[in-house]
């Protein structure tokens, strides 16, 4: 079975812009954000009946994952700073 088209060119451009914005907001490299988005999109697409919604859901999940990674980095940095100054 041939893989269905993701989204038309206008929506692809919109998704790419949104992924770039998410990358900037969360302090991640665009390539990392795009990789997370692509993985989330593919997972959702496999089970989707209405493919228009898949891009929106994939962006939401990408945002959640990138923000969680950002939060974990901040927590790790705070712990490292605490350990550095508590010695």
Protein backbone atom coordinates (compact mmCIF):
# COMPACT_ATOMS: atom_id res chain seq x y z
CA UNK A 1 0.00 0.00 0.00
CA UNK A 2 1.39 3.39 -0.96
CA UNK A 3 1.96 5.84 1.83
CA UNK A 4 -0.72 8.54 1.83
CA UNK A 5 0.32 12.10 1.18
CA UNK A 6 1.03 13.99 4.37
CA UNK A 7 -0.51 17.33 3.59
CA UNK A 8 -0.60 19.66 0.65
CA UNK A 9 2.20 22.14 0.07
CA UNK A 10 0.53 25.06 1.89
CA UNK A 11 -0.07 22.95 4.96
CA UNK A 12 3.45 21.54 4.75
CA UNK A 13 4.83 25.07 4.79
CA UNK A 14 2.59 25.96 7.74
CA UNK A 15 3.71 22.86 9.65
CA UNK A 16 7.36 23.62 8.92
CA UNK A 17 6.93 27.19 10.17
CA UNK A 18 5.20 25.94 13.30
CA UNK A 19 7.96 23.41 13.97
CA UNK A 20 10.58 26.14 13.55
CA UNK A 21 8.67 28.35 15.98
CA UNK A 22 8.43 25.49 18.49
CA UNK A 23 12.15 24.89 18.18
CA UNK A 24 12.87 28.55 18.96
CA UNK A 25 10.38 28.65 21.84
CA UNK A 26 11.83 25.56 23.46
CA UNK A 27 15.51 26.19 22.73
CA UNK A 28 15.93 23.18 20.48
CA UNK A 29 17.62 22.84 17.12
CA UNK A 30 15.12 22.91 14.26
CA UNK A 31 16.30 19.49 13.06
CA UNK A 32 15.47 17.96 16.45
CA UNK A 33 12.03 19.57 16.52
CA UNK A 34 11.37 18.40 12.96
CA UNK A 35 12.42 14.85 13.85
CA UNK A 36 10.05 14.81 16.85
CA UNK A 37 7.24 16.25 14.71
CA UNK A 38 7.79 13.69 11.95
CA UNK A 39 7.73 10.83 14.45
CA UNK A 40 4.55 12.11 16.10
CA UNK A 41 2.93 12.75 12.74
CA UNK A 42 3.73 9.24 11.53
CA UNK A 43 2.36 7.65 14.70
CA UNK A 44 -0.87 9.61 14.42
CA UNK A 45 -1.24 9.15 10.67
CA UNK A 46 -1.12 5.38 10.95
CA UNK A 47 -4.30 5.39 13.06
CA UNK A 48 -5.99 8.47 11.60
CA UNK A 49 -9.15 8.59 9.61
CA UNK A 50 -9.20 12.35 9.18
CA UNK A 51 -5.71 13.33 8.10
CA UNK A 52 -6.29 17.09 8.36
CA UNK A 53 -6.30 16.81 12.13
CA UNK A 54 -3.08 14.79 12.24
CA UNK A 55 -0.85 17.80 11.60
CA UNK A 56 -2.49 19.76 14.42
CA UNK A 57 -2.18 16.86 16.86
CA UNK A 58 1.42 16.18 15.81
CA UNK A 59 2.31 19.84 16.48
CA UNK A 60 0.65 19.66 19.89
CA UNK A 61 2.56 16.52 20.81
CA UNK A 62 5.80 18.01 19.48
CA UNK A 63 5.29 21.09 21.65
CA UNK A 64 4.62 18.93 24.72
CA UNK A 65 7.72 16.79 24.17
CA UNK A 66 10.02 19.73 23.47
CA UNK A 67 8.74 21.65 26.48
CA UNK A 68 9.26 18.58 28.67
CA UNK A 69 12.83 18.26 27.41
CA UNK A 70 13.38 21.96 28.05
CA UNK A 71 12.03 21.58 31.60
CA UNK A 72 14.29 18.57 32.21
CA UNK A 73 17.33 20.52 30.98
CA UNK A 74 16.50 23.39 33.32
CA UNK A 75 16.04 21.01 36.25
CA UNK A 76 19.36 19.31 35.46
CA UNK A 77 21.12 22.67 35.25
CA UNK A 78 19.57 23.78 38.55
CA UNK A 79 20.69 20.55 40.23
CA UNK A 80 24.20 20.93 38.84
CA UNK A 81 24.37 24.53 40.08
CA UNK A 82 23.09 23.49 43.51
CA UNK A 83 25.65 20.70 43.73
CA UNK A 84 28.43 23.05 42.59
CA UNK A 85 27.67 25.68 45.24
CA UNK A 86 26.72 23.31 48.06
CA UNK A 87 30.12 21.63 48.11
